[in-house]
Amino acid sequence: MNRREFLTISSAAIGSSLYSDKKEDRWRIIQSVQEHLFPKNPPFPSAREIKSARYLKIVSFDSSFDKGDLRFIFDGVDEIVRRGWKSDLKKDKKESILQEFSQTSFGQNWISTLLNYTFEALLSDPIYGGNVGQKGYKSLNHKPGVPTPVVRFGKLL
């Protein structure tokens, strides 16, 4: 391999890892927002406890997921970051950013979308990556139907 080939391959790898890191940053922001919107409030578990961001990430990679939703969610993440959101901000600053953002139609729809996916994570079968340990079911004294799914998204074994 000559130097030019090496640099081309290296640049592509570095660029791809930077893009990947940015996506991971977005997922961390999503988790942070979901946790702020849905904190632990007994008997209900927090968004973090039910792994709502993991749930959203898993379902978003399925071919049946509306990719427009994912673009919309990421656009919202970019907007709240532009407004100053960081995962380690104090609760009152996060609240202020979300309150201001919710005054826009885009922000209101974005927060509603994140809450919808958080509730899905709370109430879905754990096979989809949320509702860890059936904490959502238990908080509502819900008995899931049987049989429960054995594979995600109706895929055959």
Protein backbone atom coordinates (compact mmCIF):
# COMPACT_ATOMS: atom_id res chain seq x y z
CA MET A 1 0.00 0.00 0.00
CA ASN A 2 1.40 3.37 -0.92
CA ARG A 3 1.16 6.53 1.16
CA ARG A 4 -1.73 7.99 -0.86
CA GLU A 5 -3.84 4.83 -0.41
CA PHE A 6 -3.03 4.78 3.30
CA LEU A 7 -4.04 8.43 3.74
CA THR A 8 -7.27 7.90 1.78
CA ILE A 9 -8.25 4.90 3.90
CA SER A 10 -7.20 6.62 7.13
CA SER A 11 -9.16 9.78 6.29
CA ALA A 12 -12.28 7.75 5.55
CA ALA A 13 -11.91 5.86 8.83
CA ILE A 14 -11.37 9.05 10.83
CA GLY A 15 -14.30 10.79 9.13
CA SER A 16 -16.53 7.81 9.75
CA SER A 17 -15.54 7.64 13.43
CA LEU A 18 -16.22 11.37 13.86
CA TYR A 19 -19.66 10.92 12.34
CA SER A 20 -20.25 7.94 14.59
CA ASP A 21 -19.16 9.95 17.65
CA LYS A 22 -21.58 12.72 16.69
CA LYS A 23 -24.39 10.19 16.46
CA GLU A 24 -23.46 8.82 19.87
CA ASP A 25 -23.47 12.34 21.25
CA ARG A 26 -26.99 12.72 19.91
CA TRP A 27 -28.08 9.52 21.65
CA ARG A 28 -26.61 10.77 24.92
CA ILE A 29 -28.54 14.03 24.52
CA ILE A 30 -31.73 12.09 23.76
CA GLN A 31 -31.21 10.05 26.91
CA SER A 32 -30.61 13.21 28.92
CA VAL A 33 -33.78 14.87 27.61
CA GLN A 34 -35.88 11.75 28.17
CA GLU A 35 -34.56 11.50 31.72
CA HIS A 36 -35.47 15.13 32.35
CA LEU A 37 -38.96 14.68 30.89
CA PHE A 38 -39.57 11.36 32.65
CA PRO A 39 -37.68 11.24 35.95
CA LYS A 40 -38.22 8.57 38.58
CA ASN A 41 -41.53 9.22 40.30
CA PRO A 42 -42.63 6.21 42.33
CA PRO A 43 -44.23 3.95 41.44
CA PHE A 44 -42.95 4.81 37.96
CA PRO A 45 -39.36 4.12 36.93
CA SER A 46 -37.30 6.80 35.21
CA ALA A 47 -36.58 6.92 31.49
CA ARG A 48 -33.05 5.82 32.33
CA GLU A 49 -34.27 2.81 34.33
CA ILE A 50 -36.45 1.57 31.49
CA LYS A 51 -33.66 2.29 28.97
CA SER A 52 -35.87 4.49 26.81
CA ALA A 53 -32.99 5.85 24.69
CA ARG A 54 -31.73 2.30 24.06
CA TYR A 55 -35.26 1.31 23.07
CA LEU A 56 -35.48 4.20 20.59
CA LYS A 57 -32.06 3.39 19.18
CA ILE A 58 -32.93 -0.28 18.68
CA VAL A 59 -36.30 0.33 17.03
CA SER A 60 -34.91 3.15 14.87
CA PHE A 61 -32.51 0.73 13.19
CA ASP A 62 -35.31 -1.61 12.10
CA SER A 63 -36.41 -1.30 8.47
CA SER A 64 -40.01 -0.72 9.56
CA PHE A 65 -39.09 2.43 11.51
CA ASP A 66 -40.04 5.76 9.95
CA LYS A 67 -36.65 7.28 9.09
CA GLY A 68 -38.36 10.68 8.92
CA ASP A 69 -38.97 10.37 12.67
CA LEU A 70 -35.28 9.76 13.27
CA ARG A 71 -34.28 12.78 11.16
CA PHE A 72 -36.85 14.86 13.04
CA ILE A 73 -35.51 13.67 16.41
CA PHE A 74 -31.90 14.37 15.43
CA ASP A 75 -32.85 17.81 14.07
CA GLY A 76 -34.44 18.53 17.45
CA VAL A 77 -31.32 17.37 19.26
CA ASP A 78 -29.24 19.71 17.12
CA GLU A 79 -31.62 22.57 17.94
CA ILE A 80 -31.59 22.11 21.72
CA VAL A 81 -27.81 21.79 21.64
CA ARG A 82 -27.75 25.07 19.70
CA ARG A 83 -29.90 26.51 22.50
CA GLY A 84 -27.30 25.44 25.09
CA TRP A 85 -28.41 21.96 26.21
CA LYS A 86 -25.73 19.74 27.69
CA SER A 87 -26.33 16.50 29.55
CA ASP A 88 -24.60 17.82 32.66
CA LEU A 89 -26.58 21.07 32.98
CA LYS A 90 -28.48 21.75 36.18
CA LYS A 91 -32.14 20.75 36.20
CA ASP A 92 -33.46 24.33 36.17
CA LYS A 93 -31.36 25.27 33.11
CA LYS A 94 -32.57 22.17 31.26
CA GLU A 95 -36.14 23.07 32.18
CA SER A 96 -35.64 26.61 30.92
CA ILE A 97 -34.29 25.41 27.57
CA LEU A 98 -37.15 22.92 27.11
CA GLN A 99 -39.77 25.49 28.16
CA GLU A 100 -38.44 28.00 25.64
CA PHE A 101 -38.15 25.33 22.92
CA SER A 102 -41.70 24.12 23.61
CA GLN A 103 -43.00 27.58 22.68
CA THR A 104 -42.21 26.77 19.04
CA SER A 105 -44.33 24.39 16.99
CA PHE A 106 -41.24 22.37 16.11
CA GLY A 107 -40.15 22.16 19.75
CA GLN A 108 -43.60 21.18 20.98
CA ASN A 109 -43.83 18.40 18.37
CA TRP A 110 -40.29 17.25 19.11
CA ILE A 111 -40.88 16.97 22.87
CA SER A 112 -44.16 15.16 22.20
CA THR A 113 -42.38 12.71 19.89
CA LEU A 114 -39.69 11.98 22.49
CA LEU A 115 -42.35 11.44 25.15
CA ASN A 116 -44.25 9.07 22.84
CA TYR A 117 -41.14 6.94 22.37
CA THR A 118 -40.47 7.09 26.11
CA PHE A 119 -43.96 5.77 26.80
CA GLU A 120 -43.45 3.06 24.18
CA ALA A 121 -40.28 2.02 26.01
CA LEU A 122 -42.22 1.98 29.30
CA LEU A 123 -45.04 -0.16 27.93
CA SER A 124 -43.47 -2.38 25.27
CA ASP A 125 -42.27 -5.92 25.68
CA PRO A 126 -38.68 -5.96 26.98
CA ILE A 127 -37.55 -7.83 23.85
CA TYR A 128 -37.57 -4.44 22.08
CA GLY A 129 -34.93 -3.00 24.41
CA GLY A 130 -37.03 -0.94 26.82
CA ASN A 131 -39.15 -1.79 29.87
CA VAL A 132 -36.13 -3.48 31.44
CA GLY A 133 -37.15 -6.06 34.03
CA GLN A 134 -40.76 -5.26 33.11
CA LYS A 135 -40.51 -2.20 35.38
CA GLY A 136 -43.12 -0.38 33.32
CA TYR A 137 -45.56 -3.27 33.60
CA LYS A 138 -44.93 -3.62 37.32
CA SER A 139 -45.45 0.11 37.98
CA LEU A 140 -48.92 -0.23 36.44
CA ASN A 141 -49.68 -3.69 37.84
CA HIS A 142 -50.03 -4.85 34.25
CA LYS A 143 -49.89 -8.50 33.25
CA PRO A 144 -48.56 -8.81 29.69
CA GLY A 145 -50.38 -10.96 27.21
CA VAL A 146 -49.16 -14.41 26.34
CA PRO A 147 -47.42 -15.58 24.38
CA THR A 148 -44.83 -12.83 24.50
CA PRO A 149 -42.66 -12.14 21.45
CA VAL A 150 -39.60 -14.32 21.08
CA VAL A 151 -38.00 -12.27 18.29
CA ARG A 152 -38.12 -8.56 17.54
CA PHE A 153 -40.41 -7.04 14.93
CA GLY A 154 -42.10 -10.30 13.91
CA LYS A 155 -39.02 -11.71 12.25
CA LEU A 156 -39.03 -15.44 11.86
CA LEU A 157 -36.57 -17.62 13.77
